[in-house]
Amino acid sequence: MKQPGPDHPITISREGKRVRVQFAGKTVADTTRALALKEASYPVVYYVPRADADMALLTRTAHGTHCPYKGDASYFTISGGGRTADNAVWSYETPFPAVAEIKDHLAFYPNKVDEIKVG
């Protein structure tokens, strides 16, 4: 486990604006409670509370990854409207303490959904 710091900063804040995720004409997530995670020089990632996502559109997959700063990620495939996006969603179900706020949240690959609209 690595700690965020000056060489690899991670900040988490409330987005404050509405975040909506669209896929195949369906709203996969719609929330005003998203978290914005800024990590080093990577683009901002929006983490949506699971309670504000349509979990019926998601199917857990066997795929997993490990981040030395956040922990082990599990993945979900989105299905709807006759389309499927494999491993399009990830979640840190037991994140490391430094990023504990993202527990019970989902993040979406922008290139695997139709739109992530903020505002």
C-alpha atoms as a PDB file:
ATOM      1  CA  MET A   1       0.000   0.000   0.000  1.00  0.00           C
ATOM      2  CA  LYS A   2       1.361   3.392  -1.041  1.00  0.00           C
ATOM      3  CA  GLN A   3       0.317   6.676   0.527  1.00  0.00           C
ATOM      4  CA  PRO A   4      -0.642   9.632  -1.662  1.00  0.00           C
ATOM      5  CA  GLY A   5       1.840  12.468  -1.314  1.00  0.00           C
ATOM      6  CA  PRO A   6       3.663  15.203  -3.226  1.00  0.00           C
ATOM      7  CA  ASP A   7       4.983  12.720  -5.805  1.00  0.00           C
ATOM      8  CA  HIS A   8       1.525  11.177  -6.368  1.00  0.00           C
ATOM      9  CA  PRO A   9      -1.237  13.405  -4.957  1.00  0.00           C
ATOM     10  CA  ILE A  10      -4.823  12.199  -4.646  1.00  0.00           C
ATOM     11  CA  THR A  11      -7.636  14.504  -3.587  1.00  0.00           C
ATOM     12  CA  ILE A  12     -11.309  13.645  -3.192  1.00  0.00           C
ATOM     13  CA  SER A  13     -13.999  16.301  -3.025  1.00  0.00           C
ATOM     14  CA  ARG A  14     -17.755  16.579  -3.451  1.00  0.00           C
ATOM     15  CA  GLU A  15     -18.513  17.451  -7.067  1.00  0.00           C
ATOM     16  CA  GLY A  16     -21.410  19.712  -6.132  1.00  0.00           C
ATOM     17  CA  LYS A  17     -22.995  19.466  -9.581  1.00  0.00           C
ATOM     18  CA  ARG A  18     -25.311  16.831 -10.976  1.00  0.00           C
ATOM     19  CA  VAL A  19     -23.524  13.897 -12.632  1.00  0.00           C
ATOM     20  CA  ARG A  20     -25.399  11.691 -15.110  1.00  0.00           C
ATOM     21  CA  VAL A  21     -24.122   8.644 -16.947  1.00  0.00           C
ATOM     22  CA  GLN A  22     -25.924   7.552 -20.140  1.00  0.00           C
ATOM     23  CA  PHE A  23     -25.592   4.279 -22.019  1.00  0.00           C
ATOM     24  CA  ALA A  24     -27.724   3.027 -24.919  1.00  0.00           C
ATOM     25  CA  GLY A  25     -30.491   5.526 -24.185  1.00  0.00           C
ATOM     26  CA  LYS A  26     -30.644   4.571 -20.527  1.00  0.00           C
ATOM     27  CA  THR A  27     -29.611   6.522 -17.455  1.00  0.00           C
ATOM     28  CA  VAL A  28     -27.132   4.309 -15.649  1.00  0.00           C
ATOM     29  CA  ALA A  29     -26.455   6.826 -12.881  1.00  0.00           C
ATOM     30  CA  ASP A  30     -27.899  10.187 -11.834  1.00  0.00           C
ATOM     31  CA  THR A  31     -26.669  11.915  -8.708  1.00  0.00           C
ATOM     32  CA  THR A  32     -25.926  15.178  -6.970  1.00  0.00           C
ATOM     33  CA  ARG A  33     -23.678  13.321  -4.523  1.00  0.00           C
ATOM     34  CA  ALA A  34     -20.760  12.363  -6.785  1.00  0.00           C
ATOM     35  CA  LEU A  35     -17.179  12.551  -5.607  1.00  0.00           C
ATOM     36  CA  ALA A  36     -14.443  13.993  -7.837  1.00  0.00           C
ATOM     37  CA  LEU A  37     -11.171  12.119  -7.456  1.00  0.00           C
ATOM     38  CA  LYS A  38      -8.081  13.888  -8.787  1.00  0.00           C
ATOM     39  CA  GLU A  39      -5.030  11.643  -8.958  1.00  0.00           C
ATOM     40  CA  ALA A  40      -1.619  12.918 -10.039  1.00  0.00           C
ATOM     41  CA  SER A  41      -1.829  14.108 -13.673  1.00  0.00           C
ATOM     42  CA  TYR A  42      -4.773  11.844 -14.623  1.00  0.00           C
ATOM     43  CA  PRO A  43      -8.163  13.265 -15.661  1.00  0.00           C
ATOM     44  CA  VAL A  44     -10.740  13.716 -12.896  1.00  0.00           C
ATOM     45  CA  VAL A  45     -12.777  10.575 -12.193  1.00  0.00           C
ATOM     46  CA  TYR A  46     -16.329  10.893 -10.880  1.00  0.00           C
ATOM     47  CA  TYR A  47     -17.377   8.315  -8.306  1.00  0.00           C
ATOM     48  CA  VAL A  48     -21.144   7.872  -8.061  1.00  0.00           C
ATOM     49  CA  PRO A  49     -22.841   6.363  -4.997  1.00  0.00           C
ATOM     50  CA  ARG A  50     -24.180   2.898  -5.808  1.00  0.00           C
ATOM     51  CA  ALA A  51     -27.533   3.997  -4.394  1.00  0.00           C
ATOM     52  CA  ASP A  52     -27.767   6.511  -7.275  1.00  0.00           C
ATOM     53  CA  ALA A  53     -27.008   3.977 -10.028  1.00  0.00           C
ATOM     54  CA  ASP A  54     -29.309   1.516 -11.758  1.00  0.00           C
ATOM     55  CA  MET A  55     -27.554  -1.643 -10.554  1.00  0.00           C
ATOM     56  CA  ALA A  56     -29.998  -3.748 -12.612  1.00  0.00           C
ATOM     57  CA  LEU A  57     -28.063  -2.655 -15.714  1.00  0.00           C
ATOM     58  CA  LEU A  58     -24.745  -3.841 -14.247  1.00  0.00           C
ATOM     59  CA  THR A  59     -23.326  -7.344 -14.022  1.00  0.00           C
ATOM     60  CA  ARG A  60     -20.243  -8.105 -11.952  1.00  0.00           C
ATOM     61  CA  THR A  61     -17.387  -9.638 -13.950  1.00  0.00           C
ATOM     62  CA  ALA A  62     -14.387 -11.718 -12.927  1.00  0.00           C
ATOM     63  CA  HIS A  63     -12.025  -8.901 -13.974  1.00  0.00           C
ATOM     64  CA  GLY A  64     -10.040  -7.135 -11.277  1.00  0.00           C
ATOM     65  CA  THR A  65      -7.121  -4.746 -10.980  1.00  0.00           C
ATOM     66  CA  HIS A  66      -4.923  -3.449  -8.193  1.00  0.00           C
ATOM     67  CA  CYS A  67      -3.895   0.143  -7.545  1.00  0.00           C
ATOM     68  CA  PRO A  68      -1.123   0.575  -4.977  1.00  0.00           C
ATOM     69  CA  TYR A  69      -2.800   3.808  -3.795  1.00  0.00           C
ATOM     70  CA  LYS A  70      -6.488   2.771  -3.789  1.00  0.00           C
ATOM     71  CA  GLY A  71      -6.591  -1.024  -3.455  1.00  0.00           C
ATOM     72  CA  ASP A  72      -8.329  -3.781  -5.426  1.00  0.00           C
ATOM     73  CA  ALA A  73     -10.980  -2.815  -7.964  1.00  0.00           C
ATOM     74  CA  SER A  74     -13.886  -4.992  -9.047  1.00  0.00           C
ATOM     75  CA  TYR A  75     -15.591  -4.489 -12.404  1.00  0.00           C
ATOM     76  CA  PHE A  76     -19.049  -4.505 -13.951  1.00  0.00           C
ATOM     77  CA  THR A  77     -20.401  -4.805 -17.473  1.00  0.00           C
ATOM     78  CA  ILE A  78     -23.246  -2.513 -18.562  1.00  0.00           C
ATOM     79  CA  SER A  79     -26.066  -4.026 -20.631  1.00  0.00           C
ATOM     80  CA  GLY A  80     -29.061  -2.222 -22.048  1.00  0.00           C
ATOM     81  CA  GLY A  81     -30.729  -1.140 -25.244  1.00  0.00           C
ATOM     82  CA  GLY A  82     -29.307  -4.124 -27.085  1.00  0.00           C
ATOM     83  CA  ARG A  83     -25.747  -3.083 -26.298  1.00  0.00           C
ATOM     84  CA  THR A  84     -23.058  -4.256 -23.891  1.00  0.00           C
ATOM     85  CA  ALA A  85     -19.928  -2.551 -22.571  1.00  0.00           C
ATOM     86  CA  ASP A  86     -17.613  -5.045 -20.896  1.00  0.00           C
ATOM     87  CA  ASN A  87     -15.812  -3.954 -17.727  1.00  0.00           C
ATOM     88  CA  ALA A  88     -17.063  -0.390 -18.208  1.00  0.00           C
ATOM     89  CA  VAL A  89     -17.544   0.274 -14.496  1.00  0.00           C
ATOM     90  CA  TRP A  90     -15.228  -0.209 -11.548  1.00  0.00           C
ATOM     91  CA  SER A  91     -15.515   0.017  -7.799  1.00  0.00           C
ATOM     92  CA  TYR A  92     -13.152  -0.154  -4.844  1.00  0.00           C
ATOM     93  CA  GLU A  93     -15.253  -2.136  -2.408  1.00  0.00           C
ATOM     94  CA  THR A  94     -12.601  -2.108   0.336  1.00  0.00           C
ATOM     95  CA  PRO A  95     -10.446   0.885  -0.565  1.00  0.00           C
ATOM     96  CA  PHE A  96      -7.276   1.762   1.319  1.00  0.00           C
ATOM     97  CA  PRO A  97      -7.790   4.200   4.233  1.00  0.00           C
ATOM     98  CA  ALA A  98      -6.393   7.216   2.329  1.00  0.00           C
ATOM     99  CA  VAL A  99      -9.309   7.002  -0.138  1.00  0.00           C
ATOM    100  CA  ALA A 100     -11.970   5.476   2.113  1.00  0.00           C
ATOM    101  CA  GLU A 101     -14.621   7.923   0.837  1.00  0.00           C
ATOM    102  CA  ILE A 102     -14.924   6.066  -2.485  1.00  0.00           C
ATOM    103  CA  LYS A 103     -16.270   2.931  -0.796  1.00  0.00           C
ATOM    104  CA  ASP A 104     -19.756   2.058  -2.109  1.00  0.00           C
ATOM    105  CA  HIS A 105     -19.188   4.216  -5.203  1.00  0.00           C
ATOM    106  CA  LEU A 106     -18.880   3.398  -8.911  1.00  0.00           C
ATOM    107  CA  ALA A 107     -16.692   4.957 -11.593  1.00  0.00           C
ATOM    108  CA  PHE A 108     -17.268   4.756 -15.356  1.00  0.00           C
ATOM    109  CA  TYR A 109     -14.839   4.635 -18.268  1.00  0.00           C
ATOM    110  CA  PRO A 110     -15.796   7.647 -20.429  1.00  0.00           C
ATOM    111  CA  ASN A 111     -14.943   5.755 -23.627  1.00  0.00           C
ATOM    112  CA  LYS A 112     -17.291   2.869 -22.729  1.00  0.00           C
ATOM    113  CA  VAL A 113     -20.437   4.884 -21.995  1.00  0.00           C
ATOM    114  CA  ASP A 114     -22.272   7.334 -24.230  1.00  0.00           C
ATOM    115  CA  GLU A 115     -21.936  10.309 -21.921  1.00  0.00           C
ATOM    116  CA  ILE A 116     -20.847  11.419 -18.478  1.00  0.00           C
ATOM    117  CA  LYS A 117     -22.552  14.764 -18.089  1.00  0.00           C
ATOM    118  CA  VAL A 118     -21.548  17.099 -15.275  1.00  0.00           C
ATOM    119  CA  GLY A 119     -23.697  20.114 -14.526  1.00  0.00           C
END
